[in-house]
């Protein structure tokens, strides 16, 4: 595996030493790691950091819950304030909300230790 350095930052990685049209300082062979060991954070590649990945996924999930799940929960709460309470509609919304939570967890999965 090769990594390309520019200003002491890894700006690209590749299995072979072929980086066309890329302006860089040097290409260095890395025999200790594979491309899968690296992840792009911002504008540079660093060794995969599970804690950093999971923190990013946690924030992504929180944002998605706020935008996609909270409105469903608020709708459920409003329906519970009605008289009579529309139980069937509430149950449908709970199923919809559970499916949305599962979809968000799938979209933003947590990494596990290798």
Protein backbone atom coordinates (compact mmCIF):
# COMPACT_ATOMS: atom_id res chain seq x y z
CA UNK A 1 0.00 0.00 0.00
CA UNK A 2 1.22 3.49 -0.81
CA UNK A 3 0.33 6.80 0.75
CA UNK A 4 0.88 10.22 -0.79
CA UNK A 5 2.16 13.05 1.39
CA UNK A 6 1.66 16.77 0.86
CA UNK A 7 2.73 19.21 3.57
CA UNK A 8 3.23 16.25 5.96
CA UNK A 9 -0.39 15.12 5.53
CA UNK A 10 -1.60 11.95 3.85
CA UNK A 11 -3.75 13.19 0.98
CA UNK A 12 -4.25 9.88 -0.87
CA UNK A 13 -3.80 6.14 -0.46
CA UNK A 14 -3.66 3.39 -3.05
CA UNK A 15 -2.64 -0.25 -3.39
CA UNK A 16 -0.09 0.61 -6.09
CA UNK A 17 2.27 3.54 -6.64
CA UNK A 18 0.16 5.22 -9.33
CA UNK A 19 -1.20 8.71 -8.61
CA UNK A 20 -1.87 10.47 -11.92
CA UNK A 21 -2.67 14.19 -11.94
CA UNK A 22 -1.96 14.50 -8.21
CA UNK A 23 0.41 17.17 -6.93
CA UNK A 24 2.31 15.82 -3.92
CA UNK A 25 5.62 15.91 -2.11
CA UNK A 26 6.29 12.17 -1.99
CA UNK A 27 4.74 8.72 -2.21
CA UNK A 28 5.69 6.35 0.59
CA UNK A 29 5.20 2.61 0.75
CA UNK A 30 3.45 1.46 3.93
CA UNK A 31 4.01 -2.25 4.52
CA UNK A 32 2.37 -2.28 7.97
CA UNK A 33 -1.13 -1.21 6.93
CA UNK A 34 -3.74 -1.68 4.20
CA UNK A 35 -6.03 0.88 2.61
CA UNK A 36 -8.82 -0.35 4.89
CA UNK A 37 -6.80 0.78 7.92
CA UNK A 38 -7.14 4.41 6.82
CA UNK A 39 -10.14 6.69 6.70
CA UNK A 40 -10.54 10.17 5.30
CA UNK A 41 -11.23 12.73 8.03
CA UNK A 42 -11.69 16.17 6.55
CA UNK A 43 -9.06 16.63 3.84
CA UNK A 44 -6.55 14.02 4.95
CA UNK A 45 -6.29 10.31 5.62
CA UNK A 46 -5.46 9.03 9.09
CA UNK A 47 -5.39 5.61 10.61
CA UNK A 48 -8.90 4.43 11.28
CA UNK A 49 -10.04 5.64 14.71
CA UNK A 50 -13.06 3.69 15.95
CA UNK A 51 -13.77 6.14 18.77
CA UNK A 52 -13.72 9.06 16.32
CA UNK A 53 -15.98 7.16 13.90
CA UNK A 54 -18.44 6.29 16.64
CA UNK A 55 -18.55 9.87 17.91
CA UNK A 56 -19.29 11.04 14.37
CA UNK A 57 -22.03 8.39 13.99
CA UNK A 58 -23.49 9.39 17.38
CA UNK A 59 -23.75 13.01 16.23
CA UNK A 60 -25.22 11.98 12.87
CA UNK A 61 -27.83 9.83 14.63
CA UNK A 62 -28.72 12.65 17.03
CA UNK A 63 -29.23 15.04 14.12
CA UNK A 64 -31.35 12.50 12.23
CA UNK A 65 -33.47 11.76 15.30
CA UNK A 66 -34.14 15.48 15.76
CA UNK A 67 -35.13 15.98 12.12
CA UNK A 68 -36.88 12.69 11.36
CA UNK A 69 -38.08 11.05 14.60
CA UNK A 70 -38.98 13.95 16.88
CA UNK A 71 -41.77 15.22 14.58
CA UNK A 72 -43.40 11.77 14.70
CA UNK A 73 -43.11 11.70 18.48
CA UNK A 74 -44.65 15.19 18.71
CA UNK A 75 -47.52 14.05 16.48
CA UNK A 76 -48.11 11.05 18.75
CA UNK A 77 -48.19 13.33 21.79
CA UNK A 78 -50.70 15.69 20.12
CA UNK A 79 -52.97 12.74 19.30
CA UNK A 80 -52.83 11.57 22.92
CA UNK A 81 -54.28 14.95 23.93
CA UNK A 82 -57.40 14.39 21.81
CA UNK A 83 -60.67 13.11 23.16
CA UNK A 84 -61.33 10.39 22.20
CA UNK A 85 -57.73 9.21 21.78
CA UNK A 86 -57.22 7.78 18.24
CA UNK A 87 -55.45 4.58 19.39
CA UNK A 88 -55.18 3.03 15.91
CA UNK A 89 -53.52 6.12 14.41
CA UNK A 90 -51.13 6.32 17.38
CA UNK A 91 -50.14 2.67 16.93
CA UNK A 92 -49.46 3.27 13.22
CA UNK A 93 -47.25 6.24 14.09
CA UNK A 94 -45.37 4.22 16.71
CA UNK A 95 -44.65 1.54 14.10
CA UNK A 96 -43.53 4.27 11.66
CA UNK A 97 -41.29 5.83 14.33
CA UNK A 98 -39.72 2.46 15.25
CA UNK A 99 -38.99 1.80 11.57
CA UNK A 100 -37.43 5.27 11.22
CA UNK A 101 -35.20 4.66 14.26
CA UNK A 102 -34.06 1.31 12.81
CA UNK A 103 -33.35 2.94 9.44
CA UNK A 104 -31.27 5.69 11.09
CA UNK A 105 -29.26 3.11 13.03
CA UNK A 106 -28.59 1.25 9.79
CA UNK A 107 -27.65 4.47 7.98
CA UNK A 108 -25.25 5.53 10.74
CA UNK A 109 -23.77 2.30 12.16
CA UNK A 110 -21.30 2.18 15.02
CA UNK A 111 -17.91 0.58 14.34
CA UNK A 112 -16.82 -2.40 16.37
CA UNK A 113 -13.32 -3.40 17.42
CA UNK A 114 -11.57 -5.77 15.01
